[in-house]
Amino acid sequence: MRKKRRTFSPADKAKIALEAIKGVHTISEIAQRFEVHPTQVNTWRRELTDRLPELFGDQKNIATEDQSRLIDELYKQIGQLMVERDWLKKKANQVS
């Protein structure tokens, strides 16, 4: 019987990654203490260090990019729905 995978909350991942960044304990010690594989600790540490500049970046710019992506996705969905509606109208007229 296989064990169920453990899941870690974002807060737990951040805590473990921060411990690794501090460098007070070795990666192996941190992994053992939190019962995580050392490779996973390194992955979370790397992800944290890669994304730190975003934290101090221009939040307005990030929000604008997210909003722009959302608008593009919504326009794509609208276009798809219009094509489907037109097709259904055409099929309904052929049946009548």
PDB file of N, CA and C in Angstrom:
ATOM      1  N   MET A   1       0.846  -1.181   0.000  1.00  0.00           N
ATOM      2  CA  MET A   1       0.000   0.000   0.000  1.00  0.00           C
ATOM      3  C   MET A   1       0.889   1.241   0.000  1.00  0.00           C
ATOM      4  N   ARG A   2       0.579   2.181  -0.879  1.00  0.00           N
ATOM      5  CA  ARG A   2       1.381   3.382  -0.992  1.00  0.00           C
ATOM      6  C   ARG A   2       0.939   4.431   0.027  1.00  0.00           C
ATOM      7  N   LYS A   3       1.906   5.200   0.467  1.00  0.00           N
ATOM      8  CA  LYS A   3       1.603   6.298   1.373  1.00  0.00           C
ATOM      9  C   LYS A   3       1.000   7.450   0.592  1.00  0.00           C
ATOM     10  N   LYS A   4       0.126   8.170   1.233  1.00  0.00           N
ATOM     11  CA  LYS A   4      -0.454   9.360   0.628  1.00  0.00           C
ATOM     12  C   LYS A   4       0.591  10.478   0.655  1.00  0.00           C
ATOM     13  N   ARG A   5       0.679  11.207  -0.421  1.00  0.00           N
ATOM     14  CA  ARG A   5       1.637  12.308  -0.476  1.00  0.00           C
ATOM     15  C   ARG A   5       1.270  13.392   0.516  1.00  0.00           C
ATOM     16  N   ARG A   6       2.283  13.937   1.130  1.00  0.00           N
ATOM     17  CA  ARG A   6       2.066  15.053   2.038  1.00  0.00           C
ATOM     18  C   ARG A   6       1.988  16.327   1.230  1.00  0.00           C
ATOM     19  N   THR A   7       1.147  17.222   1.662  1.00  0.00           N
ATOM     20  CA  THR A   7       1.069  18.523   1.009  1.00  0.00           C
ATOM     21  C   THR A   7       1.466  19.575   2.033  1.00  0.00           C
ATOM     22  N   PHE A   8       2.123  20.587   1.535  1.00  0.00           N
ATOM     23  CA  PHE A   8       2.580  21.675   2.389  1.00  0.00           C
ATOM     24  C   PHE A   8       1.888  22.953   1.961  1.00  0.00           C
ATOM     25  N   SER A   9       1.463  23.720   2.919  1.00  0.00           N
ATOM     26  CA  SER A   9       0.819  24.996   2.610  1.00  0.00           C
ATOM     27  C   SER A   9       1.892  25.964   2.113  1.00  0.00           C
ATOM     28  N   PRO A  10       1.481  27.008   1.419  1.00  0.00           N
ATOM     29  CA  PRO A  10       2.452  28.014   0.993  1.00  0.00           C
ATOM     30  C   PRO A  10       3.229  28.614   2.170  1.00  0.00           C
ATOM     31  N   ALA A  11       2.559  28.749   3.309  1.00  0.00           N
ATOM     32  CA  ALA A  11       3.237  29.298   4.488  1.00  0.00           C
ATOM     33  C   ALA A  11       4.331  28.349   4.973  1.00  0.00           C
ATOM     34  N   ASP A  12       4.045  27.050   4.948  1.00  0.00           N
ATOM     35  CA  ASP A  12       5.047  26.056   5.360  1.00  0.00           C
ATOM     36  C   ASP A  12       6.240  26.074   4.407  1.00  0.00           C
ATOM     37  N   LYS A  13       5.949  26.128   3.107  1.00  0.00           N
ATOM     38  CA  LYS A  13       7.026  26.167   2.112  1.00  0.00           C
ATOM     39  C   LYS A  13       7.903  27.403   2.316  1.00  0.00           C
ATOM     40  N   ALA A  14       7.261  28.528   2.572  1.00  0.00           N
ATOM     41  CA  ALA A  14       8.011  29.774   2.782  1.00  0.00           C
ATOM     42  C   ALA A  14       8.876  29.678   4.037  1.00  0.00           C
ATOM     43  N   LYS A  15       8.335  29.097   5.074  1.00  0.00           N
ATOM     44  CA  LYS A  15       9.077  28.943   6.330  1.00  0.00           C
ATOM     45  C   LYS A  15      10.314  28.070   6.125  1.00  0.00           C
ATOM     46  N   ILE A  16      10.138  26.963   5.424  1.00  0.00           N
ATOM     47  CA  ILE A  16      11.252  26.046   5.176  1.00  0.00           C
ATOM     48  C   ILE A  16      12.290  26.705   4.273  1.00  0.00           C
ATOM     49  N   ALA A  17      11.830  27.382   3.222  1.00  0.00           N
ATOM     50  CA  ALA A  17      12.746  28.059   2.294  1.00  0.00           C
ATOM     51  C   ALA A  17      13.519  29.159   3.008  1.00  0.00           C
ATOM     52  N   LEU A  18      12.851  29.891   3.882  1.00  0.00           N
ATOM     53  CA  LEU A  18      13.511  30.956   4.634  1.00  0.00           C
ATOM     54  C   LEU A  18      14.579  30.401   5.561  1.00  0.00           C
ATOM     55  N   GLU A  19      14.293  29.274   6.164  1.00  0.00           N
ATOM     56  CA  GLU A  19      15.296  28.603   7.005  1.00  0.00           C
ATOM     57  C   GLU A  19      16.533  28.257   6.175  1.00  0.00           C
ATOM     58  N   ALA A  20      16.297  27.779   4.955  1.00  0.00           N
ATOM     59  CA  ALA A  20      17.414  27.405   4.085  1.00  0.00           C
ATOM     60  C   ALA A  20      18.225  28.631   3.672  1.00  0.00           C
ATOM     61  N   ILE A  21      17.543  29.737   3.430  1.00  0.00           N
ATOM     62  CA  ILE A  21      18.236  30.967   3.022  1.00  0.00           C
ATOM     63  C   ILE A  21      19.071  31.525   4.165  1.00  0.00           C
ATOM     64  N   LYS A  22      18.555  31.436   5.376  1.00  0.00           N
ATOM     65  CA  LYS A  22      19.283  31.956   6.537  1.00  0.00           C
ATOM     66  C   LYS A  22      20.653  31.313   6.671  1.00  0.00           C
ATOM     67  N   GLY A  23      20.743  30.026   6.369  1.00  0.00           N
ATOM     68  CA  GLY A  23      22.022  29.338   6.419  1.00  0.00           C
ATOM     69  C   GLY A  23      22.503  28.968   7.803  1.00  0.00           C
ATOM     70  N   VAL A  24      21.643  29.070   8.802  1.00  0.00           N
ATOM     71  CA  VAL A  24      22.024  28.708  10.162  1.00  0.00           C
ATOM     72  C   VAL A  24      22.223  27.200  10.276  1.00  0.00           C
ATOM     73  N   HIS A  25      21.350  26.448   9.603  1.00  0.00           N
ATOM     74  CA  HIS A  25      21.424  24.995   9.596  1.00  0.00           C
ATOM     75  C   HIS A  25      21.679  24.520   8.172  1.00  0.00           C
ATOM     76  N   THR A  26      22.211  23.322   8.046  1.00  0.00           N
ATOM     77  CA  THR A  26      22.444  22.771   6.717  1.00  0.00           C
ATOM     78  C   THR A  26      21.106  22.346   6.104  1.00  0.00           C
ATOM     79  N   ILE A  27      21.125  22.184   4.789  1.00  0.00           N
ATOM     80  CA  ILE A  27      19.926  21.745   4.086  1.00  0.00           C
ATOM     81  C   ILE A  27      19.474  20.392   4.618  1.00  0.00           C
ATOM     82  N   SER A  28      20.429  19.516   4.892  1.00  0.00           N
ATOM     83  CA  SER A  28      20.094  18.188   5.420  1.00  0.00           C
ATOM     84  C   SER A  28      19.406  18.287   6.778  1.00  0.00           C
ATOM     85  N   GLU A  29      19.908  19.161   7.631  1.00  0.00           N
ATOM     86  CA  GLU A  29      19.295  19.332   8.949  1.00  0.00           C
ATOM     87  C   GLU A  29      17.878  19.878   8.827  1.00  0.00           C
ATOM     88  N   ILE A  30      17.702  20.841   7.953  1.00  0.00           N
ATOM     89  CA  ILE A  30      16.372  21.427   7.743  1.00  0.00           C
ATOM     90  C   ILE A  30      15.420  20.369   7.190  1.00  0.00           C
ATOM     91  N   ALA A  31      15.898  19.613   6.212  1.00  0.00           N
ATOM     92  CA  ALA A  31      15.070  18.570   5.604  1.00  0.00           C
ATOM     93  C   ALA A  31      14.658  17.535   6.643  1.00  0.00           C
ATOM     94  N   GLN A  32      15.583  17.159   7.477  1.00  0.00           N
ATOM     95  CA  GLN A  32      15.283  16.166   8.502  1.00  0.00           C
ATOM     96  C   GLN A  32      14.293  16.725   9.522  1.00  0.00           C
ATOM     97  N   ARG A  33      14.490  17.975   9.922  1.00  0.00           N
ATOM     98  CA  ARG A  33      13.617  18.575  10.926  1.00  0.00           C
ATOM     99  C   ARG A  33      12.170  18.704  10.434  1.00  0.00           C
ATOM    100  N   PHE A  34      12.004  19.073   9.159  1.00  0.00           N
ATOM    101  CA  PHE A  34      10.665  19.250   8.608  1.00  0.00           C
ATOM    102  C   PHE A  34      10.156  18.019   7.859  1.00  0.00           C
ATOM    103  N   GLU A  35      10.961  16.948   7.861  1.00  0.00           N
ATOM    104  CA  GLU A  35      10.612  15.687   7.210  1.00  0.00           C
ATOM    105  C   GLU A  35      10.294  15.894   5.726  1.00  0.00           C
ATOM    106  N   VAL A  36      11.235  16.536   5.054  1.00  0.00           N
ATOM    107  CA  VAL A  36      11.140  16.827   3.624  1.00  0.00           C
ATOM    108  C   VAL A  36      12.445  16.386   2.985  1.00  0.00           C
ATOM    109  N   HIS A  37      12.397  16.019   1.723  1.00  0.00           N
ATOM    110  CA  HIS A  37      13.618  15.631   1.013  1.00  0.00           C
ATOM    111  C   HIS A  37      14.486  16.872   0.790  1.00  0.00           C
ATOM    112  N   PRO A  38      15.807  16.762   0.937  1.00  0.00           N
ATOM    113  CA  PRO A  38      16.695  17.917   0.744  1.00  0.00           C
ATOM    114  C   PRO A  38      16.545  18.586  -0.619  1.00  0.00           C
ATOM    115  N   THR A  39      16.256  17.801  -1.647  1.00  0.00           N
ATOM    116  CA  THR A  39      16.061  18.378  -2.973  1.00  0.00           C
ATOM    117  C   THR A  39      14.866  19.320  -2.971  1.00  0.00           C
ATOM    118  N   GLN A  40      13.821  18.947  -2.245  1.00  0.00           N
ATOM    119  CA  GLN A  40      12.633  19.800  -2.176  1.00  0.00           C
ATOM    120  C   GLN A  40      12.946  21.096  -1.447  1.00  0.00           C
ATOM    121  N   VAL A  41      13.753  21.018  -0.401  1.00  0.00           N
ATOM    122  CA  VAL A  41      14.157  22.227   0.323  1.00  0.00           C
ATOM    123  C   VAL A  41      14.913  23.158  -0.621  1.00  0.00           C
ATOM    124  N   ASN A  42      15.824  22.604  -1.398  1.00  0.00           N
ATOM    125  CA  ASN A  42      16.578  23.416  -2.353  1.00  0.00           C
ATOM    126  C   ASN A  42      15.672  24.031  -3.413  1.00  0.00           C
ATOM    127  N   THR A  43      14.680  23.274  -3.869  1.00  0.00           N
ATOM    128  CA  THR A  43      13.746  23.791  -4.871  1.00  0.00           C
ATOM    129  C   THR A  43      12.960  24.966  -4.320  1.00  0.00           C
ATOM    130  N   TRP A  44      12.437  24.836  -3.109  1.00  0.00           N
ATOM    131  CA  TRP A  44      11.674  25.926  -2.500  1.00  0.00           C
ATOM    132  C   TRP A  44      12.564  27.134  -2.228  1.00  0.00           C
ATOM    133  N   ARG A  45      13.809  26.887  -1.814  1.00  0.00           N
ATOM    134  CA  ARG A  45      14.740  27.983  -1.564  1.00  0.00           C
ATOM    135  C   ARG A  45      15.017  28.745  -2.860  1.00  0.00           C
ATOM    136  N   ARG A  46      15.259  27.997  -3.941  1.00  0.00           N
ATOM    137  CA  ARG A  46      15.542  28.617  -5.241  1.00  0.00           C
ATOM    138  C   ARG A  46      14.333  29.418  -5.733  1.00  0.00           C
ATOM    139  N   GLU A  47      13.144  28.844  -5.557  1.00  0.00           N
ATOM    140  CA  GLU A  47      11.929  29.542  -5.994  1.00  0.00           C
ATOM    141  C   GLU A  47      11.745  30.843  -5.208  1.00  0.00           C
ATOM    142  N   LEU A  48      12.012  30.789  -3.918  1.00  0.00           N
ATOM    143  CA  LEU A  48      11.890  31.988  -3.088  1.00  0.00           C
ATOM    144  C   LEU A  48      12.873  33.065  -3.532  1.00  0.00           C
ATOM    145  N   THR A  49      14.115  32.684  -3.736  1.00  0.00           N
ATOM    146  CA  THR A  49      15.110  33.686  -4.137  1.00  0.00           C
ATOM    147  C   THR A  49      14.825  34.229  -5.540  1.00  0.00           C
ATOM    148  N   ASP A  50      14.276  33.397  -6.424  1.00  0.00           N
ATOM    149  CA  ASP A  50      13.950  33.867  -7.773  1.00  0.00           C
ATOM    150  C   ASP A  50      12.779  34.838  -7.776  1.00  0.00           C
ATOM    151  N   ARG A  51      11.847  34.648  -6.852  1.00  0.00           N
ATOM    152  CA  ARG A  51      10.634  35.467  -6.851  1.00  0.00           C
ATOM    153  C   ARG A  51      10.684  36.649  -5.892  1.00  0.00           C
ATOM    154  N   LEU A  52      11.743  36.790  -5.138  1.00  0.00           N
ATOM    155  CA  LEU A  52      11.846  37.918  -4.210  1.00  0.00           C
ATOM    156  C   LEU A  52      11.782  39.280  -4.902  1.00  0.00           C
ATOM    157  N   PRO A  53      12.416  39.458  -6.055  1.00  0.00           N
ATOM    158  CA  PRO A  53      12.311  40.770  -6.710  1.00  0.00           C
ATOM    159  C   PRO A  53      10.869  41.169  -7.034  1.00  0.00           C
ATOM    160  N   GLU A  54      10.006  40.195  -7.301  1.00  0.00           N
ATOM    161  CA  GLU A  54       8.601  40.493  -7.572  1.00  0.00           C
ATOM    162  C   GLU A  54       7.940  41.141  -6.354  1.00  0.00           C
ATOM    163  N   LEU A  55       8.366  40.724  -5.176  1.00  0.00           N
ATOM    164  CA  LEU A  55       7.786  41.252  -3.951  1.00  0.00           C
ATOM    165  C   LEU A  55       8.013  42.751  -3.833  1.00  0.00           C
ATOM    166  N   PHE A  56       9.190  43.191  -4.243  1.00  0.00           N
ATOM    167  CA  PHE A  56       9.527  44.592  -4.130  1.00  0.00           C
ATOM    168  C   PHE A  56       9.354  45.342  -5.448  1.00  0.00           C
ATOM    169  N   GLY A  57       8.815  44.645  -6.439  1.00  0.00           N
ATOM    170  CA  GLY A  57       8.606  45.244  -7.749  1.00  0.00           C
ATOM    171  C   GLY A  57       7.409  46.171  -7.746  1.00  0.00           C
ATOM    172  N   ASP A  58       7.141  46.707  -8.894  1.00  0.00           N
ATOM    173  CA  ASP A  58       6.026  47.635  -9.069  1.00  0.00           C
ATOM    174  C   ASP A  58       4.721  46.847  -9.087  1.00  0.00           C
ATOM    175  N   GLN A  59       4.000  46.878  -7.982  1.00  0.00           N
ATOM    176  CA  GLN A  59       2.766  46.115  -7.858  1.00  0.00           C
ATOM    177  C   GLN A  59       1.712  46.591  -8.853  1.00  0.00           C
ATOM    178  N   LYS A  60       1.717  47.859  -9.151  1.00  0.00           N
ATOM    179  CA  LYS A  60       0.753  48.409 -10.098  1.00  0.00           C
ATOM    180  C   LYS A  60       0.971  47.802 -11.480  1.00  0.00           C
ATOM    181  N   ASN A  61       2.243  47.661 -11.851  1.00  0.00           N
ATOM    182  CA  ASN A  61       2.582  47.085 -13.146  1.00  0.00           C
ATOM    183  C   ASN A  61       2.162  45.623 -13.212  1.00  0.00           C
ATOM    184  N   ILE A  62       2.373  44.881 -12.136  1.00  0.00           N
ATOM    185  CA  ILE A  62       1.996  43.473 -12.080  1.00  0.00           C
ATOM    186  C   ILE A  62       0.477  43.340 -12.193  1.00  0.00           C
ATOM    187  N   ALA A  63      -0.247  44.188 -11.478  1.00  0.00           N
ATOM    188  CA  ALA A  63      -1.707  44.144 -11.529  1.00  0.00           C
ATOM    189  C   ALA A  63      -2.207  44.472 -12.930  1.00  0.00           C
ATOM    190  N   THR A  64      -1.564  45.421 -13.578  1.00  0.00           N
ATOM    191  CA  THR A  64      -1.951  45.795 -14.938  1.00  0.00           C
ATOM    192  C   THR A  64      -1.722  44.636 -15.899  1.00  0.00           C
ATOM    193  N   GLU A  65      -0.598  43.941 -15.766  1.00  0.00           N
ATOM    194  CA  GLU A  65      -0.319  42.784 -16.620  1.00  0.00           C
ATOM    195  C   GLU A  65      -1.339  41.675 -16.391  1.00  0.00           C
ATOM    196  N   ASP A  66      -1.679  41.424 -15.128  1.00  0.00           N
ATOM    197  CA  ASP A  66      -2.668  40.392 -14.814  1.00  0.00           C
ATOM    198  C   ASP A  66      -4.030  40.759 -15.394  1.00  0.00           C
ATOM    199  N   GLN A  67      -4.396  42.031 -15.263  1.00  0.00           N
ATOM    200  CA  GLN A  67      -5.677  42.489 -15.791  1.00  0.00           C
ATOM    201  C   GLN A  67      -5.689  42.393 -17.312  1.00  0.00           C
ATOM    202  N   SER A  68      -4.584  42.716 -17.935  1.00  0.00           N
ATOM    203  CA  SER A  68      -4.482  42.636 -19.388  1.00  0.00           C
ATOM    204  C   SER A  68      -4.638  41.197 -19.857  1.00  0.00           C
ATOM    205  N   ARG A  69      -3.993  40.258 -19.158  1.00  0.00           N
ATOM    206  CA  ARG A  69      -4.128  38.839 -19.492  1.00  0.00           C
ATOM    207  C   ARG A  69      -5.574  38.371 -19.343  1.00  0.00           C
ATOM    208  N   LEU A  70      -6.221  38.821 -18.279  1.00  0.00           N
ATOM    209  CA  LEU A  70      -7.608  38.449 -18.035  1.00  0.00           C
ATOM    210  C   LEU A  70      -8.510  38.979 -19.147  1.00  0.00           C
ATOM    211  N   ILE A  71      -8.317  40.229 -19.545  1.00  0.00           N
ATOM    212  CA  ILE A  71      -9.115  40.820 -20.616  1.00  0.00           C
ATOM    213  C   ILE A  71      -8.910  40.060 -21.912  1.00  0.00           C
ATOM    214  N   ASP A  72      -7.671  39.725 -22.232  1.00  0.00           N
ATOM    215  CA  ASP A  72      -7.394  38.952 -23.446  1.00  0.00           C
ATOM    216  C   ASP A  72      -8.108  37.602 -23.412  1.00  0.00           C
ATOM    217  N   GLU A  73      -8.073  36.938 -22.268  1.00  0.00           N
ATOM    218  CA  GLU A  73      -8.733  35.639 -22.125  1.00  0.00           C
ATOM    219  C   GLU A  73     -10.246  35.784 -22.277  1.00  0.00           C
ATOM    220  N   LEU A  74     -10.814  36.839 -21.706  1.00  0.00           N
ATOM    221  CA  LEU A  74     -12.256  37.050 -21.814  1.00  0.00           C
ATOM    222  C   LEU A  74     -12.667  37.336 -23.257  1.00  0.00           C
ATOM    223  N   TYR A  75     -11.883  38.130 -23.964  1.00  0.00           N
ATOM    224  CA  TYR A  75     -12.184  38.393 -25.378  1.00  0.00           C
ATOM    225  C   TYR A  75     -12.105  37.099 -26.186  1.00  0.00           C
ATOM    226  N   LYS A  76     -11.161  36.256 -25.865  1.00  0.00           N
ATOM    227  CA  LYS A  76     -11.036  34.969 -26.549  1.00  0.00           C
ATOM    228  C   LYS A  76     -12.285  34.127 -26.313  1.00  0.00           C
ATOM    229  N   GLN A  77     -12.756  34.092 -25.062  1.00  0.00           N
ATOM    230  CA  GLN A  77     -13.960  33.335 -24.735  1.00  0.00           C
ATOM    231  C   GLN A  77     -15.184  33.910 -25.440  1.00  0.00           C
ATOM    232  N   ILE A  78     -15.283  35.240 -25.482  1.00  0.00           N
ATOM    233  CA  ILE A  78     -16.408  35.879 -26.168  1.00  0.00           C
ATOM    234  C   ILE A  78     -16.412  35.494 -27.641  1.00  0.00           C
ATOM    235  N   GLY A  79     -15.260  35.543 -28.266  1.00  0.00           N
ATOM    236  CA  GLY A  79     -15.154  35.164 -29.672  1.00  0.00           C
ATOM    237  C   GLY A  79     -15.581  33.728 -29.898  1.00  0.00           C
ATOM    238  N   GLN A  80     -15.141  32.839 -29.038  1.00  0.00           N
ATOM    239  CA  GLN A  80     -15.502  31.426 -29.147  1.00  0.00           C
ATOM    240  C   GLN A  80     -17.005  31.245 -28.999  1.00  0.00           C
ATOM    241  N   LEU A  81     -17.601  31.923 -28.034  1.00  0.00           N
ATOM    242  CA  LEU A  81     -19.042  31.807 -27.811  1.00  0.00           C
ATOM    243  C   LEU A  81     -19.837  32.364 -28.993  1.00  0.00           C
ATOM    244  N   MET A  82     -19.345  33.445 -29.592  1.00  0.00           N
ATOM    245  CA  MET A  82     -20.025  34.014 -30.752  1.00  0.00           C
ATOM    246  C   MET A  82     -19.993  33.044 -31.931  1.00  0.00           C
ATOM    247  N   VAL A  83     -18.869  32.396 -32.139  1.00  0.00           N
ATOM    248  CA  VAL A  83     -18.753  31.421 -33.220  1.00  0.00           C
ATOM    249  C   VAL A  83     -19.711  30.260 -32.969  1.00  0.00           C
ATOM    250  N   GLU A  84     -19.760  29.777 -31.730  1.00  0.00           N
ATOM    251  CA  GLU A  84     -20.658  28.672 -31.396  1.00  0.00           C
ATOM    252  C   GLU A  84     -22.121  29.080 -31.569  1.00  0.00           C
ATOM    253  N   ARG A  85     -22.469  30.298 -31.148  1.00  0.00           N
ATOM    254  CA  ARG A  85     -23.840  30.791 -31.283  1.00  0.00           C
ATOM    255  C   ARG A  85     -24.241  30.866 -32.754  1.00  0.00           C
ATOM    256  N   ASP A  86     -23.361  31.437 -33.576  1.00  0.00           N
ATOM    257  CA  ASP A  86     -23.650  31.547 -35.003  1.00  0.00           C
ATOM    258  C   ASP A  86     -23.827  30.169 -35.635  1.00  0.00           C
ATOM    259  N   TRP A  87     -23.012  29.215 -35.244  1.00  0.00           N
ATOM    260  CA  TRP A  87     -23.113  27.859 -35.775  1.00  0.00           C
ATOM    261  C   TRP A  87     -24.449  27.235 -35.382  1.00  0.00           C
ATOM    262  N   LEU A  88     -24.837  27.426 -34.104  1.00  0.00           N
ATOM    263  CA  LEU A  88     -26.113  26.877 -33.638  1.00  0.00           C
ATOM    264  C   LEU A  88     -27.295  27.519 -34.358  1.00  0.00           C
ATOM    265  N   LYS A  89     -27.223  28.836 -34.597  1.00  0.00           N
ATOM    266  CA  LYS A  89     -28.292  29.513 -35.339  1.00  0.00           C
ATOM    267  C   LYS A  89     -28.407  28.943 -36.739  1.00  0.00           C
ATOM    268  N   LYS A  90     -27.281  28.723 -37.380  1.00  0.00           N
ATOM    269  CA  LYS A  90     -27.253  28.184 -38.739  1.00  0.00           C
ATOM    270  C   LYS A  90     -27.872  26.791 -38.754  1.00  0.00           C
ATOM    271  N   LYS A  91     -27.502  25.950 -37.793  1.00  0.00           N
ATOM    272  CA  LYS A  91     -28.044  24.595 -37.720  1.00  0.00           C
ATOM    273  C   LYS A  91     -29.536  24.606 -37.423  1.00  0.00           C
ATOM    274  N   ALA A  92     -29.992  25.529 -36.570  1.00  0.00           N
ATOM    275  CA  ALA A  92     -31.399  25.625 -36.211  1.00  0.00           C
ATOM    276  C   ALA A  92     -32.224  26.047 -37.437  1.00  0.00           C
ATOM    277  N   ASN A  93     -31.688  26.941 -38.247  1.00  0.00           N
ATOM    278  CA  ASN A  93     -32.395  27.381 -39.453  1.00  0.00           C
ATOM    279  C   ASN A  93     -32.455  26.272 -40.480  1.00  0.00           C
ATOM    280  N   GLN A  94     -31.455  25.408 -40.528  1.00  0.00           N
ATOM    281  CA  GLN A  94     -31.458  24.291 -41.485  1.00  0.00           C
ATOM    282  C   GLN A  94     -32.496  23.247 -41.100  1.00  0.00           C
ATOM    283  N   VAL A  95     -32.721  23.055 -39.812  1.00  0.00           N
ATOM    284  CA  VAL A  95     -33.673  22.060 -39.322  1.00  0.00           C
ATOM    285  C   VAL A  95     -35.096  22.521 -39.573  1.00  0.00           C
ATOM    286  N   SER A  96     -35.346  23.820 -39.439  1.00  0.00           N
ATOM    287  CA  SER A  96     -36.711  24.355 -39.575  1.00  0.00           C
ATOM    288  C   SER A  96     -37.243  24.245 -40.961  1.00  0.00           C
TER     289      SER A  96
END
